Amino acid sequence: MTASVPVRLKHVLSADRSFMLRHVIPDLIAGTPVATIISDMKKTLLCSANPILIKSLYGVLRDDGHDVDIIEHPAMAVQKVMAGGYGMLIVDSEPFGLSAEDAVQIIKSTMPDLPVLYVGSGSHGPLPAVEAPVDLEEFKRTIHDIAV
């Protein structure tokens, strides 16, 4: 086991009960090593300054097994994604400091394969988007479609 496993195990153990019952406990009973279960979790960065949007999307992501970090500013999202470790970026299209489009352009210039999902209104070119108000079922289908 690596040194990072206890930190990740903390995230698994603090996950909500339904996630534990559906995913972790059956795998443990089946003999799947804890390290394998932990590595299967998806690391996702959610970038939004809208607390209502964050609350709505966070629950769906968490229940789907994502390990979610939340950041308010697109400029900080660029820094976190560039530091590595994220499998998906979900960015609110509402302007707040650095625009979402500029942040995504910077990230995509160095990480072109990172799945990105815009949430909000407006056109976002070829990248997937979920329009506001967010339909949580549509959101869930979309994150499954773009996940690597």
C-alpha atoms as a PDB file:
ATOM      1  CA  MET A   1       0.000   0.000   0.000  1.00  0.00           C
ATOM      2  CA  THR A   2       1.264   3.450  -0.841  1.00  0.00           C
ATOM      3  CA  ALA A   3       1.381   6.387   1.527  1.00  0.00           C
ATOM      4  CA  SER A   4      -1.522   8.063  -0.269  1.00  0.00           C
ATOM      5  CA  VAL A   5      -3.934   5.177   0.360  1.00  0.00           C
ATOM      6  CA  PRO A   6      -4.851   6.207   3.948  1.00  0.00           C
ATOM      7  CA  VAL A   7      -5.725   9.709   2.722  1.00  0.00           C
ATOM      8  CA  ARG A   8      -7.916   8.320  -0.045  1.00  0.00           C
ATOM      9  CA  LEU A   9      -9.412   5.759   2.357  1.00  0.00           C
ATOM     10  CA  LYS A  10     -10.568   8.696   4.476  1.00  0.00           C
ATOM     11  CA  HIS A  11     -12.584   9.951   1.471  1.00  0.00           C
ATOM     12  CA  VAL A  12     -14.159   6.514   0.982  1.00  0.00           C
ATOM     13  CA  LEU A  13     -15.019   6.178   4.652  1.00  0.00           C
ATOM     14  CA  SER A  14     -16.563   9.643   4.739  1.00  0.00           C
ATOM     15  CA  ALA A  15     -18.671   8.999   1.625  1.00  0.00           C
ATOM     16  CA  ASP A  16     -22.405   8.902   2.087  1.00  0.00           C
ATOM     17  CA  ARG A  17     -24.105   5.730   3.267  1.00  0.00           C
ATOM     18  CA  SER A  18     -25.802   4.848  -0.042  1.00  0.00           C
ATOM     19  CA  PHE A  19     -22.444   4.948  -1.855  1.00  0.00           C
ATOM     20  CA  MET A  20     -20.920   2.694   0.809  1.00  0.00           C
ATOM     21  CA  LEU A  21     -23.796   0.193   0.597  1.00  0.00           C
ATOM     22  CA  ARG A  22     -23.880   0.124  -3.216  1.00  0.00           C
ATOM     23  CA  HIS A  23     -20.159   0.150  -4.009  1.00  0.00           C
ATOM     24  CA  VAL A  24     -17.643  -0.268  -1.225  1.00  0.00           C
ATOM     25  CA  ILE A  25     -19.160  -2.921   1.064  1.00  0.00           C
ATOM     26  CA  PRO A  26     -20.053  -5.416  -1.732  1.00  0.00           C
ATOM     27  CA  ASP A  27     -16.531  -5.091  -3.131  1.00  0.00           C
ATOM     28  CA  LEU A  28     -14.993  -5.661   0.301  1.00  0.00           C
ATOM     29  CA  ILE A  29     -17.164  -8.747   0.849  1.00  0.00           C
ATOM     30  CA  ALA A  30     -16.141 -10.042  -2.583  1.00  0.00           C
ATOM     31  CA  GLY A  31     -12.504  -9.745  -1.509  1.00  0.00           C
ATOM     32  CA  THR A  32     -11.566  -6.743  -3.632  1.00  0.00           C
ATOM     33  CA  PRO A  33      -8.536  -5.013  -2.051  1.00  0.00           C
ATOM     34  CA  VAL A  34      -9.290  -1.634  -0.487  1.00  0.00           C
ATOM     35  CA  ALA A  35      -6.586  -0.012  -2.642  1.00  0.00           C
ATOM     36  CA  THR A  36      -8.403  -1.178  -5.815  1.00  0.00           C
ATOM     37  CA  ILE A  37     -11.735   0.197  -4.599  1.00  0.00           C
ATOM     38  CA  ILE A  38     -10.145   3.533  -3.764  1.00  0.00           C
ATOM     39  CA  SER A  39      -8.325   3.858  -7.096  1.00  0.00           C
ATOM     40  CA  ASP A  40     -11.632   3.328  -8.930  1.00  0.00           C
ATOM     41  CA  MET A  41     -13.084   6.533  -7.488  1.00  0.00           C
ATOM     42  CA  LYS A  42     -13.219   9.429  -9.919  1.00  0.00           C
ATOM     43  CA  LYS A  43     -11.439  12.672  -9.015  1.00  0.00           C
ATOM     44  CA  THR A  44     -13.533  15.593 -10.281  1.00  0.00           C
ATOM     45  CA  LEU A  45     -13.069  19.349  -9.953  1.00  0.00           C
ATOM     46  CA  LEU A  46     -16.296  21.375  -9.730  1.00  0.00           C
ATOM     47  CA  CYS A  47     -15.736  25.076 -10.407  1.00  0.00           C
ATOM     48  CA  SER A  48     -18.588  27.405  -9.445  1.00  0.00           C
ATOM     49  CA  ALA A  49     -19.307  30.366  -7.198  1.00  0.00           C
ATOM     50  CA  ASN A  50     -23.020  29.479  -7.110  1.00  0.00           C
ATOM     51  CA  PRO A  51     -23.805  27.659  -3.819  1.00  0.00           C
ATOM     52  CA  ILE A  52     -27.160  26.365  -5.071  1.00  0.00           C
ATOM     53  CA  LEU A  53     -25.563  24.861  -8.183  1.00  0.00           C
ATOM     54  CA  ILE A  54     -22.744  23.354  -6.118  1.00  0.00           C
ATOM     55  CA  LYS A  55     -25.191  21.757  -3.689  1.00  0.00           C
ATOM     56  CA  SER A  56     -27.244  20.281  -6.547  1.00  0.00           C
ATOM     57  CA  LEU A  57     -24.346  18.868  -8.541  1.00  0.00           C
ATOM     58  CA  TYR A  58     -22.179  17.742  -5.644  1.00  0.00           C
ATOM     59  CA  GLY A  59     -24.735  15.216  -4.403  1.00  0.00           C
ATOM     60  CA  VAL A  60     -25.165  13.665  -7.847  1.00  0.00           C
ATOM     61  CA  LEU A  61     -21.407  13.424  -8.348  1.00  0.00           C
ATOM     62  CA  ARG A  62     -20.771  12.024  -4.872  1.00  0.00           C
ATOM     63  CA  ASP A  63     -23.522   9.414  -5.239  1.00  0.00           C
ATOM     64  CA  ASP A  64     -21.984   8.413  -8.556  1.00  0.00           C
ATOM     65  CA  GLY A  65     -18.640   7.714  -6.883  1.00  0.00           C
ATOM     66  CA  HIS A  66     -16.783  10.906  -7.764  1.00  0.00           C
ATOM     67  CA  ASP A  67     -14.259  12.336  -5.337  1.00  0.00           C
ATOM     68  CA  VAL A  68     -15.237  15.998  -5.718  1.00  0.00           C
ATOM     69  CA  ASP A  69     -13.131  19.073  -5.022  1.00  0.00           C
ATOM     70  CA  ILE A  70     -14.858  22.444  -5.214  1.00  0.00           C
ATOM     71  CA  ILE A  71     -13.240  25.694  -6.262  1.00  0.00           C
ATOM     72  CA  GLU A  72     -14.911  29.069  -6.822  1.00  0.00           C
ATOM     73  CA  HIS A  73     -12.586  30.844  -9.239  1.00  0.00           C
ATOM     74  CA  PRO A  74     -11.750  29.619 -12.765  1.00  0.00           C
ATOM     75  CA  ALA A  75      -8.173  30.915 -12.376  1.00  0.00           C
ATOM     76  CA  MET A  76      -7.722  28.656  -9.341  1.00  0.00           C
ATOM     77  CA  ALA A  77      -9.283  25.769 -11.278  1.00  0.00           C
ATOM     78  CA  VAL A  78      -6.560  26.192 -13.904  1.00  0.00           C
ATOM     79  CA  GLN A  79      -3.900  25.929 -11.184  1.00  0.00           C
ATOM     80  CA  LYS A  80      -5.466  22.842  -9.576  1.00  0.00           C
ATOM     81  CA  VAL A  81      -5.991  21.006 -12.865  1.00  0.00           C
ATOM     82  CA  MET A  82      -2.453  21.790 -14.007  1.00  0.00           C
ATOM     83  CA  ALA A  83      -1.143  20.377 -10.723  1.00  0.00           C
ATOM     84  CA  GLY A  84      -2.690  17.073 -11.838  1.00  0.00           C
ATOM     85  CA  GLY A  85      -4.872  14.351 -10.443  1.00  0.00           C
ATOM     86  CA  TYR A  86      -8.261  15.211 -11.977  1.00  0.00           C
ATOM     87  CA  GLY A  87     -10.219  12.991 -14.320  1.00  0.00           C
ATOM     88  CA  MET A  88     -12.926  15.560 -15.070  1.00  0.00           C
ATOM     89  CA  LEU A  89     -13.601  19.293 -14.846  1.00  0.00           C
ATOM     90  CA  ILE A  90     -17.105  20.711 -14.468  1.00  0.00           C
ATOM     91  CA  VAL A  91     -17.200  24.477 -14.815  1.00  0.00           C
ATOM     92  CA  ASP A  92     -20.037  26.939 -14.284  1.00  0.00           C
ATOM     93  CA  SER A  93     -20.352  29.201 -17.300  1.00  0.00           C
ATOM     94  CA  GLU A  94     -21.354  32.223 -15.204  1.00  0.00           C
ATOM     95  CA  PRO A  95     -18.548  34.810 -15.357  1.00  0.00           C
ATOM     96  CA  PHE A  96     -16.537  35.220 -12.160  1.00  0.00           C
ATOM     97  CA  GLY A  97     -13.038  36.649 -12.553  1.00  0.00           C
ATOM     98  CA  LEU A  98     -11.325  34.724 -15.344  1.00  0.00           C
ATOM     99  CA  SER A  99     -14.068  33.563 -17.702  1.00  0.00           C
ATOM    100  CA  ALA A 100     -14.928  29.888 -17.855  1.00  0.00           C
ATOM    101  CA  GLU A 101     -14.077  29.864 -21.567  1.00  0.00           C
ATOM    102  CA  ASP A 102     -10.615  31.337 -20.940  1.00  0.00           C
ATOM    103  CA  ALA A 103      -9.940  28.886 -18.100  1.00  0.00           C
ATOM    104  CA  VAL A 104     -10.968  25.914 -20.241  1.00  0.00           C
ATOM    105  CA  GLN A 105      -8.911  27.174 -23.183  1.00  0.00           C
ATOM    106  CA  ILE A 106      -5.806  27.352 -20.964  1.00  0.00           C
ATOM    107  CA  ILE A 107      -6.417  23.876 -19.547  1.00  0.00           C
ATOM    108  CA  LYS A 108      -7.219  22.294 -22.929  1.00  0.00           C
ATOM    109  CA  SER A 109      -4.026  23.744 -24.438  1.00  0.00           C
ATOM    110  CA  THR A 110      -1.963  21.480 -22.184  1.00  0.00           C
ATOM    111  CA  MET A 111      -4.469  18.734 -21.331  1.00  0.00           C
ATOM    112  CA  PRO A 112      -6.564  18.219 -24.473  1.00  0.00           C
ATOM    113  CA  ASP A 113      -7.975  14.856 -23.334  1.00  0.00           C
ATOM    114  CA  LEU A 114      -9.422  16.109 -20.034  1.00  0.00           C
ATOM    115  CA  PRO A 115     -13.218  15.843 -20.142  1.00  0.00           C
ATOM    116  CA  VAL A 116     -14.816  19.247 -19.541  1.00  0.00           C
ATOM    117  CA  LEU A 117     -18.494  19.975 -18.975  1.00  0.00           C
ATOM    118  CA  TYR A 118     -19.948  23.473 -18.981  1.00  0.00           C
ATOM    119  CA  VAL A 119     -22.927  24.106 -16.730  1.00  0.00           C
ATOM    120  CA  GLY A 120     -25.108  27.157 -17.347  1.00  0.00           C
ATOM    121  CA  SER A 121     -26.198  29.116 -20.366  1.00  0.00           C
ATOM    122  CA  GLY A 122     -24.628  30.197 -23.613  1.00  0.00           C
ATOM    123  CA  SER A 123     -22.817  28.479 -26.453  1.00  0.00           C
ATOM    124  CA  HIS A 124     -19.628  26.583 -25.694  1.00  0.00           C
ATOM    125  CA  GLY A 125     -18.601  25.338 -29.100  1.00  0.00           C
ATOM    126  CA  PRO A 126     -17.886  21.624 -29.404  1.00  0.00           C
ATOM    127  CA  LEU A 127     -17.661  21.011 -25.638  1.00  0.00           C
ATOM    128  CA  PRO A 128     -20.597  19.378 -23.851  1.00  0.00           C
ATOM    129  CA  ALA A 129     -22.879  21.608 -21.815  1.00  0.00           C
ATOM    130  CA  VAL A 130     -25.852  21.260 -19.502  1.00  0.00           C
ATOM    131  CA  GLU A 131     -28.130  24.282 -19.645  1.00  0.00           C
ATOM    132  CA  ALA A 132     -29.452  26.086 -16.573  1.00  0.00           C
ATOM    133  CA  PRO A 133     -31.669  25.358 -14.792  1.00  0.00           C
ATOM    134  CA  VAL A 134     -29.878  22.044 -14.468  1.00  0.00           C
ATOM    135  CA  ASP A 135     -31.877  18.861 -14.939  1.00  0.00           C
ATOM    136  CA  LEU A 136     -30.011  16.477 -12.593  1.00  0.00           C
ATOM    137  CA  GLU A 137     -30.865  13.388 -14.651  1.00  0.00           C
ATOM    138  CA  GLU A 138     -29.495  15.056 -17.791  1.00  0.00           C
ATOM    139  CA  PHE A 139     -26.403  16.087 -15.801  1.00  0.00           C
ATOM    140  CA  LYS A 140     -25.850  12.511 -14.631  1.00  0.00           C
ATOM    141  CA  ARG A 141     -26.230  11.123 -18.186  1.00  0.00           C
ATOM    142  CA  THR A 142     -23.819  13.732 -19.516  1.00  0.00           C
ATOM    143  CA  ILE A 143     -21.068  13.035 -16.959  1.00  0.00           C
ATOM    144  CA  HIS A 144     -21.324   9.348 -17.815  1.00  0.00           C
ATOM    145  CA  ASP A 145     -21.067  10.142 -21.521  1.00  0.00           C
ATOM    146  CA  ILE A 146     -17.937  12.284 -21.198  1.00  0.00           C
ATOM    147  CA  ALA A 147     -16.097  10.297 -18.488  1.00  0.00           C
ATOM    148  CA  VAL A 148     -12.954   8.558 -19.629  1.00  0.00           C
END
